[in-house]
Amino acid sequence: MAQRASLEKAGFVLSLGLLAFLYGYLARWHGWFPDALLEQASRQASQTRIASHLSPNFVNPKVYDRSGARVVAPDSMQPGVTLVTSLWQVDGSWRMGVRLLDRSGTAVHRWVLNGSDLFPEAVHLRRHRYLHGSYLYPNGDLVVNVEYQGTVRLDACGAVEWTLSEPTHHSIHRADDGSFWIAGHSTQPRRKSAAYPNGFPGLDEPVWVDEILRVSARGEVLQRINVLDVLYANDLTRYIVKAHQPQGERDGPTSRDVTHLNDIEPLSAEMADAYPLFEAGDLAVSLRNAHLVFVFDPDTNEVKWHASDPFILQHDPDFIGGGWIGVFDNNRDFTRRGTMLDGSRIVALQPHTDSSRVLFPTPRADSFYTHAGGKWQRLANGNLLLTEARPGRVVEVTSGGRTVWEWIRPSHNGSEVATVLEGTRYPLSSEQVAAWPCASGPSRTN
């Protein structure tokens, strides 16, 4: 009897399974319930998997309930279009792309890139492709880094004018002579250089070596500077030790990424007279993991000034006039939204007077924090354009900290947002952009 009951039970379960299979097949074929719900869930799961595969840090929990553009004080805005870099959904797939947004959040032009096609031979271990660092010419030509894969110059139609197959990353800044200063990286960890053929003192294990590259307008490397060589030659290695101090009995740095170069900016001849300690062509450099900003002469490698104490994992030092250097201080703490240290800041320092002040936030400012990434720009009217990278937000504020405009990246699945690594305002009108060849035409961003 027991055996018969077991067989009957097994037959009943198999019958239910067969009926479920048949209904599922028919539901899928005819669109019956719950086919629409399953299709939606599948798309969301697929989008999340694709975005997460592209970069473990590129998709983040949604912070803001609103999205798109919000014009708060149109008369106080700096005119122009805003360039943003991120990942975008194109024909159901995630692609690297650049958008030019007008104040309403409408994309008046766009470029879509495929890193695999541009750099098929890239062998760097950091395989997650996204865009980081750009420069836009008035005619619509665009220079952009495919992070740790290479640099490419495109025309307004997206046609490739040249590629630089080097593991470039982070920032791109144009010098007075038309060349570019771009962050570079070793293809493999190293433990020595030409200046230190017997190894970097104190670094017994190989580490990633950041490089400062000067690149011509045609994509040729004109100069290559080893960041570790600069630190050792100027007695600044203590910042590597402080940032990567071993724990317990362990010797050596706690990470192979001992510097993490994330910005290089040249001092222009137009602004140089306001900086008594420096000369035109000197470079402001940010090393995130060393919590260090310094200015040096790229011809002699002499460091003329450095600062560390005001910053925690900072980005984007800019010469802003009057002898001041402004820095995006991520001010990273142990909390999700920076509540321990009151969020990210823009800190300005004046090297020749040893003065400092906080430009943002002010008592009138809204909450602002990104634990990694981030960019800032002082605009011609005195406003600040701030990129809150991880929450996917670009915001324009007055010098008093009041928000006049913002754009927030819409969520792709209701709970996560793709990182926006750059927001930069360019003095172009929508009409000027529309006159470029292959004008994209307006479209809402997603």
Protein backbone atom coordinates (compact mmCIF):
# COMPACT_ATOMS: atom_id res chain seq x y z
CA MET A 1 0.00 0.00 0.00
CA ALA A 2 2.77 2.41 0.94
CA GLN A 3 4.55 1.79 -2.35
CA ARG A 4 1.32 2.31 -4.30
CA ALA A 5 0.65 5.59 -2.44
CA SER A 6 4.14 6.81 -3.23
CA LEU A 7 3.70 6.02 -6.91
CA GLU A 8 0.33 7.81 -6.98
CA LYS A 9 1.87 10.85 -5.27
CA ALA A 10 4.77 10.92 -7.74
CA GLY A 11 2.35 10.65 -10.65
CA PHE A 12 0.28 13.52 -9.27
CA VAL A 13 3.38 15.76 -8.89
CA LEU A 14 4.52 14.91 -12.43
CA SER A 15 1.05 15.70 -13.76
CA LEU A 16 1.08 19.09 -12.06
CA GLY A 17 4.55 19.77 -13.46
CA LEU A 18 3.43 18.84 -16.95
CA LEU A 19 0.32 21.03 -16.69
CA ALA A 20 2.44 23.96 -15.39
CA PHE A 21 4.87 23.52 -18.25
CA LEU A 22 2.07 23.41 -20.82
CA TYR A 23 0.38 26.51 -19.35
CA GLY A 24 3.70 28.35 -19.22
CA TYR A 25 4.36 27.53 -22.86
CA LEU A 26 0.88 28.65 -23.92
CA ALA A 27 1.06 31.78 -21.75
CA ARG A 28 4.35 32.75 -23.32
CA TRP A 29 2.99 32.03 -26.81
CA HIS A 30 -0.33 33.88 -26.38
CA GLY A 31 0.76 36.54 -23.89
CA TRP A 32 -1.50 35.26 -21.08
CA PHE A 33 -0.97 36.17 -17.42
CA PRO A 34 1.69 36.37 -15.97
CA ASP A 35 3.75 36.74 -19.17
CA ALA A 36 3.95 40.56 -19.03
CA LEU A 37 5.14 40.53 -15.41
CA LEU A 38 7.76 37.89 -16.11
CA GLU A 39 9.00 39.78 -19.17
CA GLN A 40 9.36 43.00 -17.15
CA ALA A 41 11.23 41.20 -14.35
CA SER A 42 13.51 39.54 -16.90
CA ARG A 43 14.37 42.86 -18.55
CA GLN A 44 15.15 44.50 -15.21
CA ALA A 45 17.31 41.59 -14.09
CA SER A 46 19.13 41.56 -17.41
CA GLN A 47 19.79 45.30 -17.29
CA THR A 48 21.12 45.05 -13.76
CA ARG A 49 23.40 42.12 -14.67
CA ILE A 50 24.77 43.95 -17.72
CA ALA A 51 25.41 47.18 -15.81
CA SER A 52 27.05 45.36 -12.93
CA HIS A 53 29.23 43.38 -15.34
CA LEU A 54 30.51 46.56 -16.95
CA SER A 55 31.82 47.92 -13.66
CA PRO A 56 31.34 46.88 -10.03
CA ASN A 57 31.22 50.55 -9.02
CA PHE A 58 29.16 51.93 -11.88
CA VAL A 59 25.67 51.11 -10.57
CA ASN A 60 24.70 52.53 -7.18
CA PRO A 61 21.62 52.63 -4.94
CA LYS A 62 19.26 55.43 -5.90
CA VAL A 63 19.58 58.46 -3.60
CA TYR A 64 17.09 60.95 -5.05
CA ASP A 65 13.39 60.33 -5.68
CA ARG A 66 13.37 62.91 -8.48
CA SER A 67 15.11 62.67 -11.85
CA GLY A 68 15.74 64.72 -14.97
CA ALA A 69 16.36 68.47 -15.07
CA ARG A 70 15.09 70.96 -12.50
CA VAL A 71 15.47 74.66 -13.30
CA VAL A 72 15.26 76.58 -10.03
CA ALA A 73 16.54 80.04 -10.99
CA PRO A 74 16.91 80.35 -14.79
CA ASP A 75 18.13 83.95 -14.65
CA SER A 76 21.02 82.90 -12.39
CA MET A 77 22.27 80.07 -14.61
CA GLN A 78 25.44 80.18 -16.68
CA PRO A 79 24.39 79.85 -20.36
CA GLY A 80 25.61 76.88 -22.34
CA VAL A 81 25.19 73.13 -22.72
CA THR A 82 26.29 70.54 -20.17
CA LEU A 83 28.39 67.55 -21.24
CA VAL A 84 27.79 64.39 -19.20
CA THR A 85 29.44 60.97 -19.46
CA SER A 86 27.80 57.75 -18.31
CA LEU A 87 26.43 54.41 -19.50
CA TRP A 88 23.23 54.58 -21.55
CA GLN A 89 20.69 52.07 -22.81
CA VAL A 90 20.84 51.80 -26.59
CA ASP A 91 18.58 49.23 -28.28
CA GLY A 92 18.24 47.33 -25.02
CA SER A 93 21.97 47.21 -24.25
CA TRP A 94 24.21 49.33 -22.04
CA ARG A 95 26.71 51.42 -24.00
CA MET A 96 29.29 54.05 -23.08
CA GLY A 97 28.16 57.45 -24.20
CA VAL A 98 28.38 61.21 -23.99
CA ARG A 99 25.39 63.57 -23.99
CA LEU A 100 25.13 67.32 -24.40
CA LEU A 101 22.17 68.56 -22.37
CA ASP A 102 20.33 71.85 -22.58
CA ARG A 103 18.84 73.37 -19.45
CA SER A 104 15.63 71.33 -19.85
CA GLY A 105 17.61 68.08 -19.75
CA THR A 106 17.09 67.43 -23.45
CA ALA A 107 20.04 65.78 -25.18
CA VAL A 108 20.89 68.06 -28.11
CA HIS A 109 23.78 65.84 -29.24
CA ARG A 110 25.17 62.44 -28.32
CA TRP A 111 28.06 60.09 -29.02
CA VAL A 112 27.94 56.32 -28.47
CA LEU A 113 31.18 54.34 -28.13
CA ASN A 114 32.07 50.67 -28.23
CA GLY A 115 35.32 50.05 -26.33
CA SER A 116 35.74 46.54 -27.73
CA ASP A 117 35.80 47.90 -31.28
CA LEU A 118 38.05 50.84 -30.43
CA PHE A 119 40.61 48.89 -28.38
CA PRO A 120 40.23 45.19 -29.21
CA GLU A 121 43.79 44.39 -28.11
CA ALA A 122 43.55 46.07 -24.71
CA VAL A 123 45.12 43.73 -22.15
CA HIS A 124 44.94 45.76 -18.97
CA LEU A 125 43.45 43.83 -16.07
CA ARG A 126 40.83 46.50 -15.38
CA ARG A 127 38.48 45.31 -18.10
CA HIS A 128 35.37 47.28 -17.10
CA ARG A 129 34.88 49.82 -19.88
CA TYR A 130 33.44 53.24 -19.15
CA LEU A 131 34.27 56.84 -20.01
CA HIS A 132 36.29 59.05 -17.71
CA GLY A 133 37.73 62.38 -18.79
CA SER A 134 36.87 64.35 -21.93
CA TYR A 135 37.50 67.51 -23.91
CA LEU A 136 35.04 69.03 -26.40
CA TYR A 137 36.16 71.23 -29.30
CA PRO A 138 33.80 73.99 -30.53
CA ASN A 139 33.35 72.15 -33.85
CA GLY A 140 32.01 69.01 -32.13
CA ASP A 141 35.22 66.99 -32.06
CA LEU A 142 35.47 65.04 -28.80
CA VAL A 143 38.52 63.58 -27.02
CA VAL A 144 37.61 61.00 -24.39
CA ASN A 145 39.22 58.27 -22.28
CA VAL A 146 37.87 54.73 -22.34
CA GLU A 147 38.98 54.01 -18.80
CA TYR A 148 42.24 52.03 -18.62
CA GLN A 149 41.91 51.10 -22.34
CA GLY A 150 42.91 54.18 -24.32
CA THR A 151 42.03 57.63 -25.63
CA VAL A 152 40.04 58.40 -28.76
CA ARG A 153 39.23 61.52 -30.75
CA LEU A 154 35.88 61.50 -32.54
CA ASP A 155 34.28 64.04 -34.80
CA ALA A 156 30.72 65.29 -34.30
CA CYS A 157 29.43 62.33 -36.35
CA GLY A 158 31.25 59.82 -34.14
CA ALA A 159 33.87 58.95 -36.75
CA VAL A 160 37.23 58.05 -35.22
CA GLU A 161 40.02 60.52 -36.06
CA TRP A 162 42.68 58.78 -33.97
CA THR A 163 43.13 56.40 -31.06
CA LEU A 164 45.88 56.17 -28.46
CA SER A 165 46.19 52.56 -27.32
CA GLU A 166 47.57 53.24 -23.85
CA PRO A 167 45.89 52.46 -20.51
CA THR A 168 44.80 56.07 -20.06
CA HIS A 169 42.26 57.02 -17.43
CA HIS A 170 40.50 59.75 -15.48
CA SER A 171 41.24 63.30 -16.64
CA ILE A 172 42.02 65.07 -19.92
CA HIS A 173 43.16 68.73 -19.88
CA ARG A 174 44.24 70.83 -22.84
CA ALA A 175 47.40 72.95 -22.57
CA ASP A 176 48.06 76.35 -24.14
CA ASP A 177 49.92 74.75 -27.06
CA GLY A 178 46.99 72.47 -27.96
CA SER A 179 48.48 69.30 -26.50
CA PHE A 180 46.75 67.34 -23.75
CA TRP A 181 47.81 66.20 -20.29
CA ILE A 182 46.27 62.77 -19.68
CA ALA A 183 46.63 60.28 -16.84
CA GLY A 184 48.32 57.02 -17.87
CA HIS A 185 49.00 53.71 -16.17
CA SER A 186 51.37 50.77 -16.38
CA THR A 187 50.02 47.70 -18.14
CA GLN A 188 51.37 45.47 -15.37
CA PRO A 189 52.48 46.08 -11.75
CA ARG A 190 56.13 47.13 -11.52
CA ARG A 191 58.76 47.32 -8.80
CA LYS A 192 61.37 49.56 -10.46
CA SER A 193 61.92 52.31 -13.05
CA ALA A 194 64.79 53.80 -15.05
CA ALA A 195 65.45 56.19 -12.17
CA TYR A 196 65.34 53.32 -9.65
CA PRO A 197 66.69 50.27 -11.52
CA ASN A 198 67.17 48.33 -8.28
CA GLY A 199 63.58 48.88 -7.21
CA PHE A 200 61.59 51.59 -5.46
CA PRO A 201 62.98 51.80 -1.92
CA GLY A 202 60.56 50.24 0.54
CA LEU A 203 58.30 48.72 -2.14
CA ASP A 204 59.45 45.12 -2.35
CA GLU A 205 56.34 43.93 -4.22
CA PRO A 206 55.27 45.22 -7.66
CA VAL A 207 52.73 48.07 -7.65
CA TRP A 208 50.67 49.82 -10.30
CA VAL A 209 52.62 52.80 -11.64
CA ASP A 210 50.72 55.92 -12.69
CA GLU A 211 52.13 58.04 -15.49
CA ILE A 212 51.62 61.65 -16.54
CA LEU A 213 51.35 61.80 -20.33
CA ARG A 214 51.60 64.79 -22.64
CA VAL A 215 49.77 63.88 -25.84
CA SER A 216 49.70 65.86 -29.07
CA ALA A 217 46.48 66.98 -30.75
CA ARG A 218 47.13 64.09 -33.20
CA GLY A 219 47.28 61.46 -30.46
CA GLU A 220 51.06 61.02 -30.16
CA VAL A 221 52.73 60.64 -26.74
CA LEU A 222 55.22 63.51 -26.46
CA GLN A 223 56.28 63.08 -22.83
CA ARG A 224 55.94 60.42 -20.15
CA ILE A 225 56.52 61.08 -16.42
CA ASN A 226 56.55 58.35 -13.77
CA VAL A 227 54.59 59.55 -10.73
CA LEU A 228 56.57 57.40 -8.28
CA ASP A 229 59.81 58.89 -9.63
CA VAL A 230 58.45 62.37 -8.84
CA LEU A 231 57.45 61.39 -5.30
CA TYR A 232 60.79 59.75 -4.51
CA ALA A 233 62.80 62.62 -6.00
CA ASN A 234 60.93 65.18 -3.85
CA ASP A 235 60.87 63.29 -0.54
CA LEU A 236 57.09 62.74 -0.69
CA THR A 237 57.03 58.98 -0.23
CA ARG A 238 55.73 59.37 3.31
CA TYR A 239 52.27 59.98 1.79
CA ILE A 240 52.31 56.51 0.24
CA VAL A 241 53.17 55.06 3.63
CA LYS A 242 50.49 57.08 5.44
CA ALA A 243 47.81 56.10 2.95
CA HIS A 244 48.68 52.39 2.82
CA GLN A 245 50.02 51.73 6.31
CA PRO A 246 50.21 47.96 6.99
CA GLN A 247 47.91 46.52 9.63
CA GLY A 248 49.26 44.36 12.45
CA GLU A 249 52.41 42.44 11.56
CA ARG A 250 51.97 42.69 7.80
CA ASP A 251 54.76 44.46 5.90
CA GLY A 252 54.40 46.45 2.71
CA PRO A 253 51.50 48.58 1.42
CA THR A 254 47.95 47.29 1.79
CA SER A 255 47.19 47.93 -1.89
CA ARG A 256 49.07 47.77 -5.18
CA ASP A 257 47.27 50.97 -6.21
CA VAL A 258 49.52 53.18 -4.09
CA THR A 259 48.87 56.54 -5.78
CA HIS A 260 45.70 56.47 -7.95
CA LEU A 261 46.39 59.49 -10.14
CA ASN A 262 43.07 61.11 -11.01
CA ASP A 263 43.76 64.60 -12.34
CA ILE A 264 46.45 66.69 -14.09
CA GLU A 265 45.81 70.36 -14.85
CA PRO A 266 48.27 72.81 -16.48
CA LEU A 267 48.60 76.41 -15.30
CA SER A 268 47.79 78.65 -18.27
CA ALA A 269 49.92 81.64 -19.28
CA GLU A 270 46.83 83.83 -18.84
CA MET A 271 46.55 82.95 -15.13
CA ALA A 272 50.22 82.43 -14.24
CA ASP A 273 50.93 85.97 -12.93
CA ALA A 274 48.46 85.38 -10.08
CA TYR A 275 50.53 82.42 -8.77
CA PRO A 276 53.87 83.74 -7.42
CA LEU A 277 55.21 80.26 -6.59
CA PHE A 278 54.54 78.79 -10.03
CA GLU A 279 55.14 79.35 -13.73
CA ALA A 280 52.99 78.83 -16.82
CA GLY A 281 52.97 75.14 -17.75
CA ASP A 282 53.37 73.84 -14.19
CA LEU A 283 50.97 71.01 -13.41
CA ALA A 284 48.53 70.54 -10.53
CA VAL A 285 48.24 66.81 -9.78
CA SER A 286 45.87 64.82 -7.57
CA LEU A 287 46.83 61.41 -6.13
CA ARG A 288 43.64 60.10 -4.56
CA ASN A 289 44.97 57.18 -2.53
CA ALA A 290 47.84 59.26 -1.14
CA HIS A 291 45.39 62.07 -0.20
CA LEU A 292 47.87 64.39 -1.90
CA VAL A 293 47.71 67.39 -4.24
CA PHE A 294 50.93 68.94 -5.56
CA VAL A 295 52.17 71.38 -8.21
CA PHE A 296 55.35 70.53 -10.12
CA ASP A 297 57.43 71.51 -13.14
CA PRO A 298 57.06 68.75 -15.78
CA ASP A 299 60.44 69.65 -17.32
CA THR A 300 62.47 69.26 -14.11
CA ASN A 301 60.08 67.14 -11.94
CA GLU A 302 60.57 69.67 -9.12
CA VAL A 303 57.57 69.78 -6.77
CA LYS A 304 57.00 73.42 -5.82
CA TRP A 305 54.09 72.96 -3.40
CA HIS A 306 51.99 70.19 -1.92
CA ALA A 307 49.06 69.74 0.47
CA SER A 308 47.36 66.78 2.07
CA ASP A 309 45.68 67.51 5.41
CA PRO A 310 42.48 69.18 4.13
CA PHE A 311 41.49 66.27 1.87
CA ILE A 312 40.20 62.72 2.05
CA LEU A 313 40.37 60.82 -1.27
CA GLN A 314 40.11 64.05 -3.28
CA HIS A 315 39.64 64.78 -7.02
CA ASP A 316 40.01 67.54 -9.59
CA PRO A 317 42.37 70.36 -8.45
CA ASP A 318 41.74 73.47 -10.58
CA PHE A 319 43.62 76.76 -10.91
CA ILE A 320 40.75 79.22 -10.40
CA GLY A 321 42.54 82.59 -10.37
CA GLY A 322 43.72 84.96 -7.67
CA GLY A 323 46.41 82.49 -6.65
CA TRP A 324 43.80 79.95 -5.53
CA ILE A 325 43.59 76.22 -6.28
CA GLY A 326 40.18 74.63 -5.76
CA VAL A 327 39.90 70.91 -4.98
CA PHE A 328 36.95 68.50 -4.95
CA ASP A 329 37.32 66.98 -1.48
CA ASN A 330 35.28 63.78 -1.39
CA ASN A 331 35.65 63.84 2.40
CA ARG A 332 34.85 60.14 2.47
CA ASP A 333 33.76 58.65 5.78
CA PHE A 334 32.24 55.37 6.95
CA THR A 335 28.60 56.27 6.19
CA ARG A 336 26.54 55.83 3.03
CA ARG A 337 25.75 59.54 2.62
CA GLY A 338 28.70 61.20 4.36
CA THR A 339 26.81 62.12 7.51
CA MET A 340 29.83 61.61 9.76
CA LEU A 341 31.87 64.40 8.11
CA ASP A 342 28.97 66.40 6.60
CA GLY A 343 29.44 65.37 2.98
CA SER A 344 31.77 66.29 0.15
CA ARG A 345 33.30 69.76 -0.18
CA ILE A 346 35.03 72.16 -2.54
CA VAL A 347 38.10 73.45 -0.71
CA ALA A 348 40.28 76.29 -2.02
CA LEU A 349 43.92 76.84 -1.04
CA GLN A 350 46.21 79.79 -1.79
CA PRO A 351 49.76 78.39 -1.73
CA HIS A 352 51.69 81.67 -1.54
CA THR A 353 49.76 82.82 1.56
CA ASP A 354 49.14 79.37 3.06
CA SER A 355 45.44 80.23 3.25
CA SER A 356 42.41 77.98 2.79
CA ARG A 357 38.63 78.31 2.67
CA VAL A 358 35.59 76.15 1.91
CA LEU A 359 33.75 77.25 -1.23
CA PHE A 360 31.01 74.63 -0.88
CA PRO A 361 28.87 73.71 1.00
CA THR A 362 27.49 76.81 2.65
CA PRO A 363 24.66 77.07 5.20
CA ARG A 364 22.28 77.49 2.21
CA ALA A 365 23.53 74.41 0.35
CA ASP A 366 21.61 71.18 -0.22
CA SER A 367 23.02 67.78 0.75
CA PHE A 368 25.93 66.74 -1.46
CA TYR A 369 28.13 63.63 -1.24
CA THR A 370 29.92 61.12 -3.44
CA HIS A 371 32.31 58.69 -1.78
CA ALA A 372 34.24 58.26 -5.06
CA GLY A 373 34.42 60.08 -8.37
CA GLY A 374 33.36 63.69 -8.57
CA LYS A 375 34.21 66.81 -10.54
CA TRP A 376 33.74 70.54 -10.21
CA GLN A 377 33.95 73.58 -12.46
CA ARG A 378 33.96 77.30 -11.65
CA LEU A 379 31.75 78.96 -14.27
CA ALA A 380 32.23 82.37 -15.87
CA ASN A 381 29.43 83.94 -13.79
CA GLY A 382 30.96 82.72 -10.51
CA ASN A 383 28.64 79.74 -10.10
CA LEU A 384 29.96 76.24 -9.42
CA LEU A 385 28.98 73.17 -11.46
CA LEU A 386 29.34 70.08 -9.27
CA THR A 387 29.21 66.42 -10.30
CA GLU A 388 27.87 64.15 -7.55
CA ALA A 389 29.12 61.07 -9.37
CA ARG A 390 27.74 58.03 -7.58
CA PRO A 391 24.15 59.34 -7.17
CA GLY A 392 24.24 60.42 -10.84
CA ARG A 393 23.63 64.13 -10.21
CA VAL A 394 25.02 67.34 -11.74
CA VAL A 395 24.09 70.56 -9.93
CA GLU A 396 24.81 74.25 -10.54
CA VAL A 397 25.00 76.43 -7.44
CA THR A 398 25.68 80.11 -6.83
CA SER A 399 28.77 81.27 -4.93
CA GLY A 400 26.50 81.39 -1.90
CA GLY A 401 25.60 77.69 -2.30
CA ARG A 402 22.03 78.12 -3.57
CA THR A 403 20.93 75.57 -6.19
CA VAL A 404 19.89 77.16 -9.51
CA TRP A 405 19.82 74.04 -11.72
CA GLU A 406 20.27 70.30 -11.44
CA TRP A 407 20.05 67.18 -13.55
CA ILE A 408 19.69 63.71 -12.02
CA ARG A 409 20.20 60.49 -13.94
CA PRO A 410 16.94 58.47 -14.07
CA SER A 411 17.02 55.00 -12.51
CA HIS A 412 17.17 52.09 -14.94
CA ASN A 413 15.29 49.67 -12.67
CA GLY A 414 13.64 51.75 -9.94
CA SER A 415 16.28 51.18 -7.29
CA GLU A 416 19.70 51.82 -8.89
CA VAL A 417 21.32 54.64 -10.84
CA ALA A 418 24.26 54.59 -13.27
CA THR A 419 27.20 56.75 -12.20
CA VAL A 420 27.76 60.09 -13.95
CA LEU A 421 31.51 60.68 -13.85
CA GLU A 422 31.58 64.07 -15.50
CA GLY A 423 29.43 67.15 -15.90
CA THR A 424 31.07 70.09 -17.71
CA ARG A 425 29.42 73.28 -18.98
CA TYR A 426 30.48 74.51 -22.44
CA PRO A 427 29.66 77.98 -23.84
CA LEU A 428 27.65 76.64 -26.78
CA SER A 429 24.03 77.21 -27.71
CA SER A 430 21.67 74.52 -28.92
CA GLU A 431 21.64 76.28 -32.29
CA GLN A 432 25.42 76.07 -32.58
CA VAL A 433 25.33 72.36 -31.76
CA ALA A 434 22.52 71.79 -34.28
CA ALA A 435 24.76 73.26 -37.00
CA TRP A 436 27.38 70.51 -36.53
CA PRO A 437 27.55 67.74 -39.12
CA CYS A 438 25.41 64.74 -38.16
CA ALA A 439 23.44 66.73 -35.62
CA SER A 440 21.78 64.19 -33.32
CA GLY A 441 18.63 66.19 -32.79
CA PRO A 442 16.91 66.64 -29.40
CA SER A 443 15.90 63.65 -27.33
CA ARG A 444 15.15 63.04 -23.69
CA THR A 445 17.92 61.24 -21.81
CA ASN A 446 17.38 57.95 -20.00
